[in-house]
Amino acid sequence: MKILKILALSTAHTTCSTAVWDGDRVSAFREGQSSRSAELLVPMIEDTMADAEETFTTLDAISVITGPGSFTGLRVGLAAARSIALVSELPSIGLNSMEVNAAFVLSHVNDNESIVAALEARNHEVYMQIFHPEGKDVRAICAPQRVKVDGTTPILPETGGVIVGNAAVFLSTKVNQTKGFRVIDPCHAPDARALAKLAHTRITRFGISICSTPSPLYLHPLPPL
């Protein structure tokens, strides 16, 4: 099987990060402030590629977080991914924040447990999606959603499992039916390393045909211009 080399860009959350996946590992990683992603991302890409001793001609694909998350961050990351893919004639794959987070904790989950990925939104709301483990991948059992957490809405599966993400603690303390669930890595938001690993898993599993032009995932109205 061909060794895959993938550039990953994550700009949707608290940090702006870049990584290169080489075969079975992350060979280079850089991280900066998400609030400065517009000025930091291109230099970080250049530095990460140099650290990995790669050029765009040696890559097989580009991966990017599609959201939900910071509007500005998402636009910066998606624009960069699309531009690189177009100029370098590379396929690109977009993955949402929750599936990247869910795949990040697979080693801590049993086959019959659910994974609830929960990320901070606003106004006592969380972005969340529920998954089941599927080998080295995760299978979504509901669509990504923005949920109002008021302690009464039954939003968790009955099978128990784990809650992951930077809204994990908030969700676990506000929802009544958390028996059987445990919080893992509550501060984690998806970064380029986790994205690169999942992108590699998906392309290896489904082939390069899974790639398509990434589109942003917005789970609430766009802010006024």
N, C-alpha and C. Protein backbone atom coordinates (compact mmCIF):
# COMPACT_ATOMS: atom_id res chain seq x y z
N MET A 1 0.85 -1.20 0.00
CA MET A 1 0.00 0.00 0.00
C MET A 1 0.88 1.25 0.00
N LYS A 2 0.48 2.22 -0.79
CA LYS A 2 1.24 3.47 -0.88
C LYS A 2 1.24 4.22 0.45
N ILE A 3 2.39 4.75 0.83
CA ILE A 3 2.49 5.57 2.03
C ILE A 3 1.85 6.93 1.73
N LEU A 4 0.88 7.31 2.54
CA LEU A 4 0.17 8.57 2.33
C LEU A 4 0.84 9.70 3.09
N LYS A 5 0.95 10.84 2.41
CA LYS A 5 1.46 12.05 3.03
C LYS A 5 0.38 13.12 2.92
N ILE A 6 -0.03 13.65 4.08
CA ILE A 6 -1.18 14.54 4.14
C ILE A 6 -0.83 15.79 4.94
N LEU A 7 -1.15 16.96 4.39
CA LEU A 7 -1.05 18.21 5.13
C LEU A 7 -2.39 18.49 5.79
N ALA A 8 -2.38 18.76 7.09
CA ALA A 8 -3.62 19.01 7.85
C ALA A 8 -3.63 20.42 8.41
N LEU A 9 -4.79 21.09 8.29
CA LEU A 9 -4.96 22.46 8.76
C LEU A 9 -6.15 22.52 9.71
N SER A 10 -5.92 23.03 10.92
CA SER A 10 -7.00 23.18 11.90
C SER A 10 -7.00 24.61 12.42
N THR A 11 -8.04 25.36 12.09
CA THR A 11 -8.10 26.78 12.48
C THR A 11 -9.44 27.16 13.11
N ALA A 12 -10.26 26.17 13.44
CA ALA A 12 -11.63 26.46 13.86
C ALA A 12 -11.80 26.74 15.34
N HIS A 13 -10.79 26.41 16.16
CA HIS A 13 -11.01 26.46 17.61
C HIS A 13 -9.96 27.32 18.31
N THR A 14 -9.57 26.93 19.50
CA THR A 14 -8.75 27.81 20.34
C THR A 14 -7.33 27.98 19.83
N THR A 15 -6.88 27.06 18.99
CA THR A 15 -5.54 27.20 18.42
C THR A 15 -5.60 27.04 16.91
N CYS A 16 -4.59 27.57 16.27
CA CYS A 16 -4.37 27.38 14.84
C CYS A 16 -3.21 26.39 14.74
N SER A 17 -3.40 25.29 14.04
CA SER A 17 -2.34 24.29 13.99
C SER A 17 -2.22 23.68 12.61
N THR A 18 -1.02 23.19 12.32
CA THR A 18 -0.72 22.54 11.05
C THR A 18 0.08 21.27 11.35
N ALA A 19 -0.09 20.26 10.52
CA ALA A 19 0.64 19.00 10.72
C ALA A 19 0.82 18.32 9.37
N VAL A 20 1.85 17.50 9.30
CA VAL A 20 2.07 16.63 8.15
C VAL A 20 2.03 15.19 8.62
N TRP A 21 1.19 14.39 7.97
CA TRP A 21 1.13 12.96 8.25
C TRP A 21 1.99 12.24 7.22
N ASP A 22 2.86 11.34 7.69
CA ASP A 22 3.76 10.62 6.80
C ASP A 22 3.67 9.13 7.11
N GLY A 23 2.86 8.42 6.35
CA GLY A 23 2.77 6.98 6.48
C GLY A 23 1.97 6.51 7.67
N ASP A 24 2.59 6.51 8.85
CA ASP A 24 1.90 6.03 10.06
C ASP A 24 2.11 6.95 11.25
N ARG A 25 2.50 8.20 10.98
CA ARG A 25 2.80 9.10 12.09
C ARG A 25 2.71 10.55 11.63
N VAL A 26 2.62 11.44 12.62
CA VAL A 26 2.76 12.88 12.36
C VAL A 26 4.25 13.20 12.35
N SER A 27 4.75 13.69 11.24
CA SER A 27 6.18 13.97 11.11
C SER A 27 6.53 15.42 11.44
N ALA A 28 5.54 16.31 11.48
CA ALA A 28 5.79 17.71 11.84
C ALA A 28 4.50 18.35 12.33
N PHE A 29 4.64 19.29 13.28
CA PHE A 29 3.47 19.94 13.87
C PHE A 29 3.84 21.34 14.31
N ARG A 30 2.97 22.29 14.04
CA ARG A 30 3.14 23.67 14.50
C ARG A 30 1.81 24.15 15.07
N GLU A 31 1.89 25.08 16.04
CA GLU A 31 0.68 25.57 16.70
C GLU A 31 0.83 27.05 17.03
N GLY A 32 -0.25 27.81 16.88
CA GLY A 32 -0.25 29.23 17.20
C GLY A 32 -1.61 29.65 17.71
N GLN A 33 -1.78 30.95 17.92
CA GLN A 33 -3.03 31.49 18.45
C GLN A 33 -4.09 31.54 17.35
N SER A 34 -5.26 31.01 17.66
CA SER A 34 -6.34 31.01 16.68
C SER A 34 -6.74 32.42 16.27
N SER A 35 -6.68 33.36 17.20
CA SER A 35 -7.07 34.74 16.90
C SER A 35 -6.16 35.38 15.86
N ARG A 36 -4.98 34.79 15.63
CA ARG A 36 -4.04 35.32 14.65
C ARG A 36 -3.89 34.40 13.45
N SER A 37 -4.88 33.54 13.22
CA SER A 37 -4.76 32.54 12.16
C SER A 37 -4.58 33.17 10.78
N ALA A 38 -5.18 34.33 10.56
CA ALA A 38 -5.07 34.96 9.25
C ALA A 38 -3.62 35.32 8.92
N GLU A 39 -2.84 35.73 9.92
CA GLU A 39 -1.44 36.09 9.68
C GLU A 39 -0.48 34.94 9.92
N LEU A 40 -0.88 33.97 10.74
CA LEU A 40 0.04 32.90 11.11
C LEU A 40 -0.02 31.69 10.20
N LEU A 41 -1.16 31.42 9.58
CA LEU A 41 -1.35 30.12 8.94
C LEU A 41 -0.36 29.85 7.82
N VAL A 42 -0.20 30.78 6.91
CA VAL A 42 0.71 30.53 5.77
C VAL A 42 2.14 30.31 6.23
N PRO A 43 2.71 31.16 7.12
CA PRO A 43 4.06 30.86 7.62
C PRO A 43 4.14 29.52 8.35
N MET A 44 3.09 29.17 9.09
CA MET A 44 3.09 27.88 9.78
C MET A 44 3.09 26.72 8.81
N ILE A 45 2.33 26.84 7.73
CA ILE A 45 2.34 25.79 6.70
C ILE A 45 3.74 25.63 6.13
N GLU A 46 4.38 26.75 5.81
CA GLU A 46 5.73 26.70 5.25
C GLU A 46 6.71 26.06 6.23
N ASP A 47 6.61 26.43 7.50
CA ASP A 47 7.52 25.87 8.51
C ASP A 47 7.26 24.38 8.73
N THR A 48 5.99 24.01 8.75
CA THR A 48 5.65 22.60 8.96
C THR A 48 6.15 21.74 7.81
N MET A 49 5.96 22.23 6.60
CA MET A 49 6.44 21.49 5.43
C MET A 49 7.96 21.37 5.46
N ALA A 50 8.63 22.43 5.86
CA ALA A 50 10.09 22.39 5.96
C ALA A 50 10.54 21.41 7.04
N ASP A 51 9.86 21.44 8.19
CA ASP A 51 10.20 20.50 9.27
C ASP A 51 10.05 19.05 8.81
N ALA A 52 9.01 18.80 8.00
CA ALA A 52 8.74 17.44 7.53
C ALA A 52 9.58 17.08 6.31
N GLU A 53 10.31 18.06 5.79
CA GLU A 53 11.12 17.87 4.58
C GLU A 53 10.26 17.41 3.41
N GLU A 54 9.11 18.09 3.27
CA GLU A 54 8.18 17.80 2.18
C GLU A 54 7.96 19.04 1.33
N THR A 55 7.50 18.83 0.11
CA THR A 55 7.00 19.91 -0.74
C THR A 55 5.59 19.54 -1.14
N PHE A 56 4.87 20.47 -1.74
CA PHE A 56 3.50 20.17 -2.14
C PHE A 56 3.47 19.08 -3.21
N THR A 57 4.53 18.93 -3.95
CA THR A 57 4.58 17.88 -4.99
C THR A 57 4.73 16.49 -4.40
N THR A 58 5.17 16.40 -3.15
CA THR A 58 5.32 15.08 -2.52
C THR A 58 4.10 14.69 -1.68
N LEU A 59 3.15 15.59 -1.53
CA LEU A 59 1.94 15.30 -0.76
C LEU A 59 0.94 14.50 -1.59
N ASP A 60 0.05 13.81 -0.87
CA ASP A 60 -1.04 13.07 -1.52
C ASP A 60 -2.39 13.75 -1.35
N ALA A 61 -2.53 14.55 -0.29
CA ALA A 61 -3.83 15.18 -0.03
C ALA A 61 -3.68 16.31 0.99
N ILE A 62 -4.71 17.16 1.02
CA ILE A 62 -4.85 18.22 2.01
C ILE A 62 -6.08 17.91 2.86
N SER A 63 -5.98 18.10 4.17
CA SER A 63 -7.16 17.93 5.03
C SER A 63 -7.37 19.20 5.84
N VAL A 64 -8.64 19.47 6.17
CA VAL A 64 -8.97 20.70 6.89
C VAL A 64 -10.21 20.47 7.75
N ILE A 65 -10.24 21.13 8.92
CA ILE A 65 -11.43 21.12 9.77
C ILE A 65 -12.49 22.02 9.13
N THR A 66 -13.71 21.49 9.00
CA THR A 66 -14.79 22.25 8.36
C THR A 66 -15.70 22.96 9.35
N GLY A 67 -15.52 22.72 10.64
CA GLY A 67 -16.36 23.36 11.63
C GLY A 67 -17.18 22.32 12.39
N PRO A 68 -18.06 22.79 13.26
CA PRO A 68 -18.31 24.20 13.57
C PRO A 68 -17.17 24.79 14.40
N GLY A 69 -17.17 26.11 14.48
CA GLY A 69 -16.13 26.81 15.22
C GLY A 69 -16.13 28.27 14.86
N SER A 70 -15.00 28.90 15.08
CA SER A 70 -14.85 30.32 14.78
C SER A 70 -15.10 30.60 13.30
N PHE A 71 -15.97 31.55 13.01
CA PHE A 71 -16.25 31.90 11.61
C PHE A 71 -14.98 32.33 10.90
N THR A 72 -14.23 33.23 11.52
CA THR A 72 -13.00 33.73 10.89
C THR A 72 -12.00 32.60 10.70
N GLY A 73 -11.81 31.79 11.74
CA GLY A 73 -10.87 30.69 11.64
C GLY A 73 -11.24 29.70 10.55
N LEU A 74 -12.53 29.36 10.48
CA LEU A 74 -12.98 28.43 9.45
C LEU A 74 -12.69 28.96 8.05
N ARG A 75 -12.98 30.22 7.84
CA ARG A 75 -12.78 30.81 6.51
C ARG A 75 -11.31 30.82 6.13
N VAL A 76 -10.45 31.14 7.10
CA VAL A 76 -9.01 31.16 6.83
C VAL A 76 -8.52 29.77 6.45
N GLY A 77 -8.89 28.76 7.24
CA GLY A 77 -8.44 27.40 6.98
C GLY A 77 -8.96 26.84 5.68
N LEU A 78 -10.24 27.04 5.42
CA LEU A 78 -10.84 26.51 4.19
C LEU A 78 -10.27 27.20 2.96
N ALA A 79 -10.06 28.51 3.04
CA ALA A 79 -9.49 29.23 1.90
C ALA A 79 -8.09 28.72 1.59
N ALA A 80 -7.30 28.50 2.64
CA ALA A 80 -5.93 28.00 2.44
C ALA A 80 -5.96 26.59 1.84
N ALA A 81 -6.81 25.72 2.38
CA ALA A 81 -6.88 24.35 1.88
C ALA A 81 -7.32 24.31 0.42
N ARG A 82 -8.32 25.10 0.08
CA ARG A 82 -8.80 25.13 -1.30
C ARG A 82 -7.73 25.66 -2.25
N SER A 83 -7.03 26.71 -1.82
CA SER A 83 -6.00 27.31 -2.67
C SER A 83 -4.86 26.34 -2.93
N ILE A 84 -4.39 25.69 -1.86
CA ILE A 84 -3.29 24.74 -2.02
C ILE A 84 -3.71 23.57 -2.91
N ALA A 85 -4.92 23.07 -2.67
CA ALA A 85 -5.41 21.95 -3.47
C ALA A 85 -5.52 22.32 -4.94
N LEU A 86 -5.99 23.54 -5.22
CA LEU A 86 -6.16 23.98 -6.60
C LEU A 86 -4.82 24.17 -7.30
N VAL A 87 -3.92 24.90 -6.65
CA VAL A 87 -2.63 25.21 -7.27
C VAL A 87 -1.77 23.96 -7.41
N SER A 88 -1.81 23.09 -6.41
CA SER A 88 -0.95 21.90 -6.42
C SER A 88 -1.64 20.68 -7.03
N GLU A 89 -2.89 20.85 -7.44
CA GLU A 89 -3.66 19.76 -8.04
C GLU A 89 -3.71 18.54 -7.11
N LEU A 90 -4.05 18.83 -5.86
CA LEU A 90 -4.15 17.79 -4.85
C LEU A 90 -5.60 17.60 -4.42
N PRO A 91 -6.02 16.38 -4.10
CA PRO A 91 -7.35 16.18 -3.53
C PRO A 91 -7.40 16.73 -2.10
N SER A 92 -8.58 17.11 -1.66
CA SER A 92 -8.73 17.64 -0.31
C SER A 92 -9.90 16.95 0.38
N ILE A 93 -9.78 16.82 1.70
CA ILE A 93 -10.83 16.20 2.49
C ILE A 93 -11.14 17.08 3.69
N GLY A 94 -12.41 17.37 3.89
CA GLY A 94 -12.85 18.14 5.04
C GLY A 94 -13.51 17.24 6.06
N LEU A 95 -13.17 17.41 7.32
CA LEU A 95 -13.74 16.62 8.41
C LEU A 95 -14.25 17.56 9.49
N ASN A 96 -15.39 17.22 10.09
CA ASN A 96 -15.93 18.14 11.09
C ASN A 96 -15.26 17.97 12.45
N SER A 97 -15.39 18.98 13.26
CA SER A 97 -14.69 19.04 14.54
C SER A 97 -15.04 17.87 15.46
N MET A 98 -16.30 17.47 15.45
CA MET A 98 -16.74 16.43 16.38
C MET A 98 -16.19 15.05 16.01
N GLU A 99 -16.18 14.73 14.71
CA GLU A 99 -15.67 13.41 14.34
C GLU A 99 -14.16 13.30 14.59
N VAL A 100 -13.45 14.41 14.42
CA VAL A 100 -12.02 14.40 14.73
C VAL A 100 -11.80 14.18 16.22
N ASN A 101 -12.58 14.86 17.04
CA ASN A 101 -12.48 14.67 18.50
C ASN A 101 -12.84 13.24 18.91
N ALA A 102 -13.88 12.70 18.30
CA ALA A 102 -14.31 11.35 18.65
C ALA A 102 -13.24 10.32 18.30
N ALA A 103 -12.64 10.45 17.13
CA ALA A 103 -11.60 9.51 16.72
C ALA A 103 -10.38 9.62 17.62
N PHE A 104 -10.16 10.81 18.18
CA PHE A 104 -9.00 11.05 19.05
C PHE A 104 -8.99 10.16 20.28
N VAL A 105 -10.17 9.74 20.76
CA VAL A 105 -10.25 8.97 22.01
C VAL A 105 -10.57 7.50 21.79
N LEU A 106 -10.43 7.01 20.58
CA LEU A 106 -10.81 5.62 20.29
C LEU A 106 -10.10 4.61 21.17
N SER A 107 -8.87 4.90 21.55
CA SER A 107 -8.12 3.93 22.35
C SER A 107 -8.67 3.80 23.77
N HIS A 108 -9.55 4.71 24.16
CA HIS A 108 -10.12 4.69 25.52
C HIS A 108 -11.54 4.13 25.55
N VAL A 109 -12.04 3.64 24.42
CA VAL A 109 -13.45 3.27 24.31
C VAL A 109 -13.58 1.81 23.93
N ASN A 110 -14.55 1.13 24.56
CA ASN A 110 -14.88 -0.24 24.17
C ASN A 110 -15.78 -0.24 22.93
N ASP A 111 -15.84 -1.37 22.27
CA ASP A 111 -16.59 -1.46 21.01
C ASP A 111 -18.07 -1.17 21.18
N ASN A 112 -18.62 -1.43 22.37
CA ASN A 112 -20.06 -1.26 22.57
C ASN A 112 -20.41 0.08 23.22
N GLU A 113 -19.43 0.96 23.38
CA GLU A 113 -19.68 2.25 24.01
C GLU A 113 -19.89 3.34 22.96
N SER A 114 -20.61 4.38 23.36
CA SER A 114 -20.80 5.54 22.51
C SER A 114 -19.76 6.60 22.82
N ILE A 115 -19.49 7.42 21.85
CA ILE A 115 -18.62 8.57 22.04
C ILE A 115 -19.45 9.83 21.77
N VAL A 116 -19.53 10.68 22.77
CA VAL A 116 -20.23 11.95 22.62
C VAL A 116 -19.18 13.05 22.52
N ALA A 117 -19.07 13.66 21.36
CA ALA A 117 -18.13 14.77 21.17
C ALA A 117 -18.89 16.07 21.40
N ALA A 118 -18.39 16.88 22.34
CA ALA A 118 -19.08 18.10 22.74
C ALA A 118 -18.10 19.27 22.76
N LEU A 119 -18.42 20.31 22.00
CA LEU A 119 -17.56 21.49 21.91
C LEU A 119 -18.35 22.74 22.30
N GLU A 120 -17.63 23.71 22.84
CA GLU A 120 -18.27 24.92 23.34
C GLU A 120 -18.96 25.70 22.23
N ALA A 121 -20.17 26.15 22.52
CA ALA A 121 -20.87 27.10 21.67
C ALA A 121 -21.09 28.35 22.52
N ARG A 122 -22.29 28.86 22.54
CA ARG A 122 -22.59 30.02 23.39
C ARG A 122 -23.96 29.84 24.02
N ASN A 123 -24.24 30.68 25.03
CA ASN A 123 -25.58 30.72 25.62
C ASN A 123 -26.05 29.36 26.13
N HIS A 124 -25.17 28.66 26.88
CA HIS A 124 -25.50 27.35 27.44
C HIS A 124 -25.82 26.33 26.36
N GLU A 125 -25.17 26.46 25.25
CA GLU A 125 -25.33 25.51 24.15
C GLU A 125 -23.99 24.84 23.85
N VAL A 126 -24.09 23.64 23.27
CA VAL A 126 -22.88 22.93 22.84
C VAL A 126 -23.10 22.42 21.43
N TYR A 127 -22.01 22.34 20.69
CA TYR A 127 -22.00 21.60 19.44
C TYR A 127 -21.73 20.15 19.80
N MET A 128 -22.53 19.24 19.29
CA MET A 128 -22.29 17.85 19.67
C MET A 128 -22.70 16.89 18.56
N GLN A 129 -22.12 15.71 18.64
CA GLN A 129 -22.47 14.61 17.73
C GLN A 129 -22.10 13.32 18.44
N ILE A 130 -22.87 12.27 18.17
CA ILE A 130 -22.67 10.99 18.84
C ILE A 130 -22.17 9.96 17.82
N PHE A 131 -21.20 9.17 18.26
CA PHE A 131 -20.54 8.20 17.37
C PHE A 131 -20.45 6.84 18.05
N HIS A 132 -20.25 5.82 17.23
CA HIS A 132 -19.86 4.50 17.70
C HIS A 132 -18.49 4.17 17.11
N PRO A 133 -17.65 3.46 17.86
CA PRO A 133 -16.36 3.02 17.31
C PRO A 133 -16.56 2.07 16.14
N GLU A 134 -15.69 2.16 15.18
CA GLU A 134 -15.72 1.25 14.02
C GLU A 134 -14.29 0.98 13.60
N GLY A 135 -13.62 0.10 14.34
CA GLY A 135 -12.20 -0.16 14.09
C GLY A 135 -11.37 1.06 14.45
N LYS A 136 -10.60 1.54 13.49
CA LYS A 136 -9.80 2.74 13.70
C LYS A 136 -10.55 4.01 13.35
N ASP A 137 -11.83 3.86 13.03
CA ASP A 137 -12.66 4.99 12.60
C ASP A 137 -13.85 5.11 13.54
N VAL A 138 -14.66 6.13 13.31
CA VAL A 138 -15.90 6.31 14.05
C VAL A 138 -17.06 6.44 13.07
N ARG A 139 -18.22 5.96 13.50
CA ARG A 139 -19.43 6.03 12.67
C ARG A 139 -20.45 6.93 13.36
N ALA A 140 -20.88 7.97 12.68
CA ALA A 140 -21.85 8.90 13.26
C ALA A 140 -23.22 8.23 13.35
N ILE A 141 -23.89 8.41 14.49
CA ILE A 141 -25.24 7.88 14.63
C ILE A 141 -26.27 9.00 14.71
N CYS A 142 -25.81 10.24 14.56
CA CYS A 142 -26.72 11.37 14.43
C CYS A 142 -25.97 12.47 13.68
N ALA A 143 -26.70 13.44 13.19
CA ALA A 143 -26.08 14.56 12.49
C ALA A 143 -25.45 15.52 13.50
N PRO A 144 -24.47 16.31 13.08
CA PRO A 144 -23.94 17.35 13.97
C PRO A 144 -25.07 18.30 14.36
N GLN A 145 -25.08 18.75 15.60
CA GLN A 145 -26.17 19.61 16.05
C GLN A 145 -25.69 20.60 17.11
N ARG A 146 -26.43 21.67 17.23
CA ARG A 146 -26.21 22.63 18.31
C ARG A 146 -27.34 22.46 19.30
N VAL A 147 -26.99 22.14 20.55
CA VAL A 147 -27.97 21.72 21.54
C VAL A 147 -28.00 22.70 22.71
N LYS A 148 -29.21 23.09 23.10
CA LYS A 148 -29.40 23.86 24.31
C LYS A 148 -29.37 22.91 25.50
N VAL A 149 -28.44 23.12 26.43
CA VAL A 149 -28.28 22.21 27.57
C VAL A 149 -28.97 22.81 28.78
N ASP A 150 -30.13 22.24 29.14
CA ASP A 150 -30.89 22.78 30.26
C ASP A 150 -31.13 21.75 31.36
N GLY A 151 -30.52 20.56 31.23
CA GLY A 151 -30.64 19.56 32.29
C GLY A 151 -31.82 18.63 32.14
N THR A 152 -32.70 18.88 31.19
CA THR A 152 -33.88 18.04 31.06
C THR A 152 -33.97 17.33 29.72
N THR A 153 -33.35 17.86 28.70
CA THR A 153 -33.45 17.28 27.36
C THR A 153 -32.67 15.97 27.30
N PRO A 154 -33.30 14.87 26.92
CA PRO A 154 -32.59 13.58 26.82
C PRO A 154 -31.77 13.51 25.54
N ILE A 155 -30.51 13.88 25.61
CA ILE A 155 -29.70 13.97 24.40
C ILE A 155 -28.59 12.93 24.34
N LEU A 156 -28.42 12.13 25.39
CA LEU A 156 -27.34 11.15 25.41
C LEU A 156 -27.89 9.75 25.20
N PRO A 157 -27.11 8.89 24.53
CA PRO A 157 -27.56 7.51 24.35
C PRO A 157 -27.59 6.75 25.67
N GLU A 158 -28.36 5.67 25.72
CA GLU A 158 -28.54 4.92 26.95
C GLU A 158 -27.42 3.93 27.21
N THR A 159 -26.55 3.71 26.24
CA THR A 159 -25.56 2.65 26.37
C THR A 159 -24.35 3.04 27.20
N GLY A 160 -24.19 4.32 27.52
CA GLY A 160 -23.02 4.77 28.24
C GLY A 160 -21.83 4.90 27.32
N GLY A 161 -20.73 5.44 27.87
CA GLY A 161 -19.55 5.64 27.04
C GLY A 161 -18.72 6.80 27.54
N VAL A 162 -18.21 7.59 26.60
CA VAL A 162 -17.34 8.70 26.97
C VAL A 162 -17.87 10.00 26.38
N ILE A 163 -17.50 11.09 27.05
CA ILE A 163 -17.77 12.43 26.54
C ILE A 163 -16.42 13.11 26.38
N VAL A 164 -16.16 13.67 25.22
CA VAL A 164 -14.87 14.27 24.93
C VAL A 164 -15.08 15.66 24.34
N GLY A 165 -14.13 16.55 24.59
CA GLY A 165 -14.19 17.89 24.01
C GLY A 165 -14.18 18.96 25.08
N ASN A 166 -14.00 20.20 24.65
CA ASN A 166 -13.86 21.28 25.63
C ASN A 166 -15.19 21.69 26.27
N ALA A 167 -16.30 21.06 25.88
CA ALA A 167 -17.58 21.25 26.58
C ALA A 167 -17.99 19.99 27.33
N ALA A 168 -17.08 19.03 27.47
CA ALA A 168 -17.42 17.75 28.08
C ALA A 168 -17.84 17.89 29.54
N VAL A 169 -17.09 18.66 30.32
CA VAL A 169 -17.41 18.84 31.73
C VAL A 169 -18.73 19.57 31.88
N PHE A 170 -18.92 20.63 31.12
CA PHE A 170 -20.17 21.39 31.17
C PHE A 170 -21.35 20.48 30.86
N LEU A 171 -21.24 19.68 29.80
CA LEU A 171 -22.34 18.79 29.43
C LEU A 171 -22.60 17.75 30.52
N SER A 172 -21.54 17.20 31.07
CA SER A 172 -21.70 16.13 32.07
C SER A 172 -22.32 16.63 33.37
N THR A 173 -22.16 17.92 33.69
CA THR A 173 -22.72 18.45 34.93
C THR A 173 -24.12 19.02 34.74
N LYS A 174 -24.52 19.23 33.48
CA LYS A 174 -25.82 19.86 33.22
C LYS A 174 -26.90 18.90 32.75
N VAL A 175 -26.51 17.73 32.30
CA VAL A 175 -27.49 16.78 31.77
C VAL A 175 -27.72 15.68 32.79
N ASN A 176 -28.99 15.34 33.01
CA ASN A 176 -29.33 14.40 34.07
C ASN A 176 -28.91 12.97 33.78
N GLN A 177 -28.97 12.54 32.52
CA GLN A 177 -28.75 11.12 32.24
C GLN A 177 -27.31 10.82 31.82
N THR A 178 -26.35 11.18 32.68
CA THR A 178 -24.95 10.92 32.37
C THR A 178 -24.42 9.67 33.09
N LYS A 179 -25.29 8.92 33.74
CA LYS A 179 -24.84 7.68 34.39
C LYS A 179 -24.27 6.74 33.33
N GLY A 180 -23.11 6.20 33.62
CA GLY A 180 -22.48 5.30 32.66
C GLY A 180 -21.54 6.00 31.70
N PHE A 181 -21.43 7.34 31.83
CA PHE A 181 -20.52 8.10 30.98
C PHE A 181 -19.34 8.61 31.79
N ARG A 182 -18.22 8.72 31.14
CA ARG A 182 -17.04 9.30 31.77
C ARG A 182 -16.45 10.35 30.83
N VAL A 183 -15.85 11.37 31.42
CA VAL A 183 -15.25 12.46 30.66
C VAL A 183 -13.79 12.13 30.39
N ILE A 184 -13.37 12.29 29.13
CA ILE A 184 -11.99 12.05 28.74
C ILE A 184 -11.41 13.34 28.15
N ASP A 185 -10.25 13.72 28.63
CA ASP A 185 -9.51 14.87 28.08
C ASP A 185 -10.44 16.07 27.87
N PRO A 186 -10.99 16.63 28.96
CA PRO A 186 -12.03 17.65 28.83
C PRO A 186 -11.58 18.95 28.18
N CYS A 187 -10.29 19.20 28.11
CA CYS A 187 -9.83 20.46 27.52
C CYS A 187 -9.56 20.34 26.02
N HIS A 188 -9.69 19.15 25.48
CA HIS A 188 -9.24 18.94 24.12
C HIS A 188 -10.20 19.54 23.09
N ALA A 189 -9.63 20.28 22.16
CA ALA A 189 -10.32 20.69 20.94
C ALA A 189 -9.51 20.12 19.79
N PRO A 190 -10.14 19.79 18.68
CA PRO A 190 -9.42 19.10 17.62
C PRO A 190 -8.26 19.92 17.05
N ASP A 191 -7.08 19.30 16.95
CA ASP A 191 -5.95 19.99 16.35
C ASP A 191 -5.52 19.25 15.09
N ALA A 192 -4.49 19.76 14.42
CA ALA A 192 -4.10 19.23 13.12
C ALA A 192 -3.56 17.81 13.20
N ARG A 193 -2.99 17.42 14.35
CA ARG A 193 -2.47 16.05 14.48
C ARG A 193 -3.61 15.03 14.44
N ALA A 194 -4.67 15.28 15.23
CA ALA A 194 -5.81 14.38 15.23
C ALA A 194 -6.50 14.38 13.87
N LEU A 195 -6.57 15.54 13.25
CA LEU A 195 -7.18 15.65 11.92
C LEU A 195 -6.39 14.83 10.90
N ALA A 196 -5.06 14.96 10.91
CA ALA A 196 -4.22 14.24 9.96
C ALA A 196 -4.40 12.73 10.10
N LYS A 197 -4.46 12.26 11.34
CA LYS A 197 -4.61 10.82 11.57
C LYS A 197 -5.94 10.31 11.04
N LEU A 198 -7.04 11.05 11.30
CA LEU A 198 -8.35 10.61 10.83
C LEU A 198 -8.44 10.71 9.31
N ALA A 199 -7.86 11.76 8.73
CA ALA A 199 -7.85 11.88 7.27
C ALA A 199 -7.15 10.69 6.64
N HIS A 200 -6.03 10.28 7.24
CA HIS A 200 -5.32 9.10 6.75
C HIS A 200 -6.19 7.85 6.84
N THR A 201 -6.89 7.68 7.98
CA THR A 201 -7.77 6.53 8.15
C THR A 201 -8.86 6.50 7.10
N ARG A 202 -9.49 7.65 6.85
CA ARG A 202 -10.60 7.70 5.89
C ARG A 202 -10.12 7.41 4.47
N ILE A 203 -9.01 8.02 4.07
CA ILE A 203 -8.52 7.82 2.70
C ILE A 203 -8.05 6.38 2.51
N THR A 204 -7.40 5.82 3.53
CA THR A 204 -6.97 4.43 3.46
C THR A 204 -8.18 3.50 3.37
N ARG A 205 -9.22 3.84 4.10
CA ARG A 205 -10.41 2.97 4.16
C ARG A 205 -11.27 3.07 2.91
N PHE A 206 -11.49 4.28 2.42
CA PHE A 206 -12.45 4.48 1.34
C PHE A 206 -11.81 4.84 0.00
N GLY A 207 -10.53 5.18 0.02
CA GLY A 207 -9.88 5.58 -1.22
C GLY A 207 -9.93 7.07 -1.42
N ILE A 208 -9.15 7.53 -2.36
CA ILE A 208 -9.03 8.97 -2.62
C ILE A 208 -10.34 9.57 -3.13
N SER A 209 -11.25 8.71 -3.60
CA SER A 209 -12.53 9.21 -4.12
C SER A 209 -13.38 9.85 -3.03
N ILE A 210 -13.04 9.59 -1.75
CA ILE A 210 -13.80 10.22 -0.66
C ILE A 210 -13.55 11.72 -0.60
N CYS A 211 -12.45 12.16 -1.20
CA CYS A 211 -12.09 13.58 -1.15
C CYS A 211 -13.00 14.41 -2.04
N SER A 212 -13.30 15.61 -1.60
CA SER A 212 -14.07 16.57 -2.39
C SER A 212 -13.80 17.96 -1.83
N THR A 213 -14.22 18.99 -2.54
CA THR A 213 -13.97 20.35 -2.08
C THR A 213 -14.63 20.58 -0.72
N PRO A 214 -13.86 20.89 0.33
CA PRO A 214 -14.45 21.06 1.66
C PRO A 214 -15.36 22.28 1.73
N SER A 215 -16.46 22.13 2.44
CA SER A 215 -17.41 23.23 2.67
C SER A 215 -17.55 23.46 4.17
N PRO A 216 -17.79 24.71 4.58
CA PRO A 216 -17.91 24.99 6.01
C PRO A 216 -19.16 24.39 6.62
N LEU A 217 -19.05 23.95 7.85
CA LEU A 217 -20.20 23.44 8.60
C LEU A 217 -20.59 24.50 9.63
N TYR A 218 -21.69 25.19 9.36
CA TYR A 218 -22.21 26.20 10.28
C TYR A 218 -23.48 25.65 10.92
N LEU A 219 -23.53 25.65 12.23
CA LEU A 219 -24.71 25.14 12.93
C LEU A 219 -25.53 26.25 13.56
N HIS A 220 -25.30 27.48 13.16
CA HIS A 220 -26.13 28.60 13.58
C HIS A 220 -26.00 29.69 12.55
N PRO A 221 -26.88 30.69 12.55
CA PRO A 221 -26.87 31.70 11.49
C PRO A 221 -25.56 32.44 11.41
N LEU A 222 -25.20 32.85 10.20
CA LEU A 222 -24.02 33.67 10.00
C LEU A 222 -24.20 35.02 10.68
N PRO A 223 -23.14 35.60 11.23
CA PRO A 223 -23.26 36.93 11.82
C PRO A 223 -23.48 37.98 10.72
N PRO A 224 -24.07 39.11 11.06
CA PRO A 224 -24.27 40.16 10.05
C PRO A 224 -22.96 40.69 9.52
N LEU A 225 -22.96 41.07 8.25
CA LEU A 225 -21.77 41.63 7.63
C LEU A 225 -21.49 43.04 8.17
